[in-house]
Amino acid sequence: ALGDSDLAEVLKQLLPLINVDDLLVLLVYVYSMAQEACPVGAEEEKRIEKVENELIAALTLRLTQQTTLSPLLQEITG
C-alpha cells in the first residue's frame, strides 16, 4: 500500500535532482493511484496525512527556491 512504502523519503531525495514540473506530474500520478487503493483506517489516514504534509512542505520549499517559475507553474500558482 502507498502508506507502507518509503515514497515520501524517495520524493524528498528527488526534489533537488528533478525539475519541479516533473515532480508535480509525479505527485499527481501518485495521488491518482492512491485514490484507487483500498480504504484505510483512521490511524493510517493520519499517517498518510502526515506524509502528505511533509511532501507539501518540501515541494513548497523547492518552489520558493526557484528564481523563475515555468509557464506551467505560473499557470497553477497564478
N, C-alpha and C. Protein backbone atom coordinates (compact mmCIF):
# COMPACT_ATOMS: atom_id res chain seq x y z
N ALA A 1 0.84 -1.19 0.00
CA ALA A 1 0.00 0.00 0.00
C ALA A 1 0.88 1.24 0.00
N LEU A 2 0.31 2.32 -0.43
CA LEU A 2 1.05 3.57 -0.53
C LEU A 2 1.61 4.00 0.81
N GLY A 3 0.84 3.92 1.86
CA GLY A 3 1.29 4.33 3.18
C GLY A 3 2.38 3.46 3.76
N ASP A 4 2.53 2.24 3.23
CA ASP A 4 3.54 1.32 3.75
C ASP A 4 4.90 1.52 3.12
N SER A 5 5.00 2.32 2.10
CA SER A 5 6.27 2.48 1.39
C SER A 5 7.04 3.67 1.93
N ASP A 6 8.26 3.80 1.47
CA ASP A 6 9.10 4.94 1.82
C ASP A 6 9.03 5.99 0.72
N LEU A 7 7.88 6.11 0.09
CA LEU A 7 7.71 7.03 -1.03
C LEU A 7 8.03 8.47 -0.66
N ALA A 8 7.63 8.89 0.52
CA ALA A 8 7.90 10.27 0.93
C ALA A 8 9.39 10.55 0.97
N GLU A 9 10.16 9.62 1.52
CA GLU A 9 11.61 9.80 1.59
C GLU A 9 12.22 9.82 0.20
N VAL A 10 11.74 8.96 -0.67
CA VAL A 10 12.25 8.93 -2.04
C VAL A 10 11.97 10.26 -2.74
N LEU A 11 10.76 10.76 -2.60
CA LEU A 11 10.41 12.03 -3.24
C LEU A 11 11.21 13.19 -2.67
N LYS A 12 11.46 13.16 -1.36
CA LYS A 12 12.28 14.22 -0.75
C LYS A 12 13.69 14.21 -1.32
N GLN A 13 14.24 13.02 -1.57
CA GLN A 13 15.58 12.91 -2.13
C GLN A 13 15.60 13.35 -3.58
N LEU A 14 14.50 13.18 -4.28
CA LEU A 14 14.42 13.57 -5.69
C LEU A 14 14.27 15.08 -5.88
N LEU A 15 13.75 15.77 -4.88
CA LEU A 15 13.47 17.21 -5.03
C LEU A 15 14.62 18.00 -5.61
N PRO A 16 15.85 17.87 -5.08
CA PRO A 16 16.93 18.68 -5.65
C PRO A 16 17.39 18.20 -7.03
N LEU A 17 16.98 17.01 -7.42
CA LEU A 17 17.51 16.40 -8.64
C LEU A 17 16.63 16.56 -9.87
N ILE A 18 15.32 16.75 -9.67
CA ILE A 18 14.44 16.78 -10.83
C ILE A 18 13.75 18.12 -10.97
N ASN A 19 13.27 18.35 -12.16
CA ASN A 19 12.54 19.56 -12.50
C ASN A 19 11.25 19.61 -11.69
N VAL A 20 10.87 20.77 -11.21
CA VAL A 20 9.67 20.92 -10.40
C VAL A 20 8.42 20.51 -11.18
N ASP A 21 8.37 20.82 -12.46
CA ASP A 21 7.21 20.42 -13.28
C ASP A 21 7.08 18.90 -13.31
N ASP A 22 8.22 18.21 -13.47
CA ASP A 22 8.19 16.75 -13.48
C ASP A 22 7.73 16.20 -12.14
N LEU A 23 8.15 16.85 -11.07
CA LEU A 23 7.73 16.41 -9.74
C LEU A 23 6.23 16.58 -9.56
N LEU A 24 5.68 17.67 -10.06
CA LEU A 24 4.22 17.87 -9.97
C LEU A 24 3.47 16.77 -10.71
N VAL A 25 3.95 16.43 -11.89
CA VAL A 25 3.31 15.35 -12.66
C VAL A 25 3.40 14.04 -11.88
N LEU A 26 4.56 13.77 -11.29
CA LEU A 26 4.74 12.55 -10.50
C LEU A 26 3.78 12.52 -9.31
N LEU A 27 3.64 13.64 -8.62
CA LEU A 27 2.74 13.69 -7.47
C LEU A 27 1.28 13.49 -7.88
N VAL A 28 0.88 14.08 -8.99
CA VAL A 28 -0.49 13.88 -9.48
C VAL A 28 -0.72 12.40 -9.77
N TYR A 29 0.26 11.76 -10.39
CA TYR A 29 0.15 10.33 -10.68
C TYR A 29 0.03 9.52 -9.39
N VAL A 30 0.91 9.81 -8.43
CA VAL A 30 0.90 9.07 -7.16
C VAL A 30 -0.44 9.25 -6.45
N TYR A 31 -0.94 10.48 -6.39
CA TYR A 31 -2.23 10.71 -5.73
C TYR A 31 -3.37 10.02 -6.46
N SER A 32 -3.32 9.98 -7.78
CA SER A 32 -4.39 9.30 -8.51
C SER A 32 -4.35 7.81 -8.24
N MET A 33 -3.15 7.25 -8.11
CA MET A 33 -3.04 5.82 -7.79
C MET A 33 -3.50 5.57 -6.36
N ALA A 34 -3.20 6.49 -5.45
CA ALA A 34 -3.60 6.33 -4.06
C ALA A 34 -5.12 6.32 -3.92
N GLN A 35 -5.80 7.07 -4.76
CA GLN A 35 -7.26 7.11 -4.70
C GLN A 35 -7.87 5.76 -5.05
N GLU A 36 -7.14 4.97 -5.83
CA GLU A 36 -7.65 3.66 -6.23
C GLU A 36 -7.35 2.59 -5.19
N ALA A 37 -6.49 2.90 -4.21
CA ALA A 37 -6.14 1.94 -3.18
C ALA A 37 -7.36 1.70 -2.28
N CYS A 38 -7.32 0.58 -1.59
CA CYS A 38 -8.44 0.27 -0.70
C CYS A 38 -8.49 1.25 0.47
N PRO A 39 -9.67 1.44 1.03
CA PRO A 39 -9.82 2.38 2.15
C PRO A 39 -8.95 1.99 3.34
N VAL A 40 -8.53 2.98 4.10
CA VAL A 40 -7.67 2.74 5.25
C VAL A 40 -8.39 3.19 6.52
N GLY A 41 -7.86 2.74 7.66
CA GLY A 41 -8.43 3.13 8.95
C GLY A 41 -8.01 4.53 9.34
N ALA A 42 -8.52 4.98 10.47
CA ALA A 42 -8.26 6.35 10.94
C ALA A 42 -6.78 6.56 11.23
N GLU A 43 -6.13 5.57 11.84
CA GLU A 43 -4.71 5.72 12.18
C GLU A 43 -3.85 5.81 10.91
N GLU A 44 -4.16 4.97 9.95
CA GLU A 44 -3.41 5.01 8.69
C GLU A 44 -3.68 6.31 7.94
N GLU A 45 -4.90 6.79 8.03
CA GLU A 45 -5.25 8.07 7.39
C GLU A 45 -4.42 9.21 7.98
N LYS A 46 -4.22 9.20 9.30
CA LYS A 46 -3.39 10.23 9.94
C LYS A 46 -1.95 10.14 9.47
N ARG A 47 -1.45 8.92 9.32
CA ARG A 47 -0.08 8.72 8.85
C ARG A 47 0.08 9.23 7.42
N ILE A 48 -0.88 8.93 6.58
CA ILE A 48 -0.84 9.39 5.19
C ILE A 48 -0.92 10.91 5.14
N GLU A 49 -1.77 11.49 5.98
CA GLU A 49 -1.89 12.96 6.03
C GLU A 49 -0.56 13.59 6.45
N LYS A 50 0.13 12.96 7.40
CA LYS A 50 1.43 13.48 7.84
C LYS A 50 2.43 13.45 6.69
N VAL A 51 2.46 12.35 5.96
CA VAL A 51 3.37 12.23 4.82
C VAL A 51 3.02 13.27 3.76
N GLU A 52 1.74 13.45 3.48
CA GLU A 52 1.32 14.46 2.51
C GLU A 52 1.77 15.85 2.93
N ASN A 53 1.62 16.18 4.20
CA ASN A 53 2.05 17.49 4.69
C ASN A 53 3.55 17.68 4.55
N GLU A 54 4.33 16.62 4.80
CA GLU A 54 5.78 16.70 4.63
C GLU A 54 6.14 16.94 3.17
N LEU A 55 5.45 16.25 2.28
CA LEU A 55 5.71 16.44 0.85
C LEU A 55 5.32 17.83 0.38
N ILE A 56 4.20 18.32 0.87
CA ILE A 56 3.77 19.68 0.52
C ILE A 56 4.80 20.69 0.99
N ALA A 57 5.30 20.50 2.21
CA ALA A 57 6.32 21.42 2.74
C ALA A 57 7.60 21.37 1.91
N ALA A 58 8.02 20.16 1.54
CA ALA A 58 9.24 20.01 0.74
C ALA A 58 9.06 20.63 -0.64
N LEU A 59 7.90 20.41 -1.25
CA LEU A 59 7.64 20.99 -2.57
C LEU A 59 7.55 22.51 -2.49
N THR A 60 6.92 23.01 -1.44
CA THR A 60 6.84 24.47 -1.26
C THR A 60 8.23 25.07 -1.12
N LEU A 61 9.08 24.43 -0.35
CA LEU A 61 10.46 24.91 -0.20
C LEU A 61 11.16 24.92 -1.55
N ARG A 62 10.99 23.86 -2.31
CA ARG A 62 11.64 23.76 -3.63
C ARG A 62 11.12 24.86 -4.56
N LEU A 63 9.82 25.09 -4.53
CA LEU A 63 9.25 26.13 -5.39
C LEU A 63 9.74 27.52 -5.01
N THR A 64 9.89 27.77 -3.71
CA THR A 64 10.35 29.09 -3.28
C THR A 64 11.82 29.31 -3.58
N GLN A 65 12.55 28.25 -3.86
CA GLN A 65 13.96 28.38 -4.21
C GLN A 65 14.15 28.68 -5.69
N GLN A 66 13.09 28.56 -6.48
CA GLN A 66 13.17 28.82 -7.91
C GLN A 66 13.26 30.33 -8.14
N THR A 67 14.18 30.75 -9.00
CA THR A 67 14.27 32.18 -9.32
C THR A 67 13.18 32.59 -10.30
N THR A 68 12.82 31.69 -11.20
CA THR A 68 11.70 31.94 -12.12
C THR A 68 10.87 30.67 -12.21
N LEU A 69 9.60 30.84 -12.36
CA LEU A 69 8.71 29.69 -12.48
C LEU A 69 8.43 29.39 -13.94
N SER A 70 8.28 28.12 -14.24
CA SER A 70 7.95 27.71 -15.60
C SER A 70 6.53 28.18 -15.92
N PRO A 71 6.17 28.22 -17.20
CA PRO A 71 4.80 28.61 -17.57
C PRO A 71 3.74 27.74 -16.88
N LEU A 72 4.01 26.44 -16.75
CA LEU A 72 3.06 25.55 -16.09
C LEU A 72 2.86 25.97 -14.64
N LEU A 73 3.94 26.21 -13.93
CA LEU A 73 3.82 26.61 -12.53
C LEU A 73 3.19 27.99 -12.38
N GLN A 74 3.48 28.88 -13.31
CA GLN A 74 2.85 30.20 -13.27
C GLN A 74 1.34 30.09 -13.43
N GLU A 75 0.93 29.18 -14.32
CA GLU A 75 -0.50 28.98 -14.54
C GLU A 75 -1.16 28.37 -13.31
N ILE A 76 -0.48 27.42 -12.66
CA ILE A 76 -1.03 26.76 -11.48
C ILE A 76 -1.11 27.71 -10.30
N THR A 77 -0.04 28.47 -10.08
CA THR A 77 0.03 29.32 -8.89
C THR A 77 -0.58 30.69 -9.09
N GLY A 78 -0.83 31.07 -10.32
CA GLY A 78 -1.47 32.35 -10.59
C GLY A 78 -0.50 33.43 -10.68
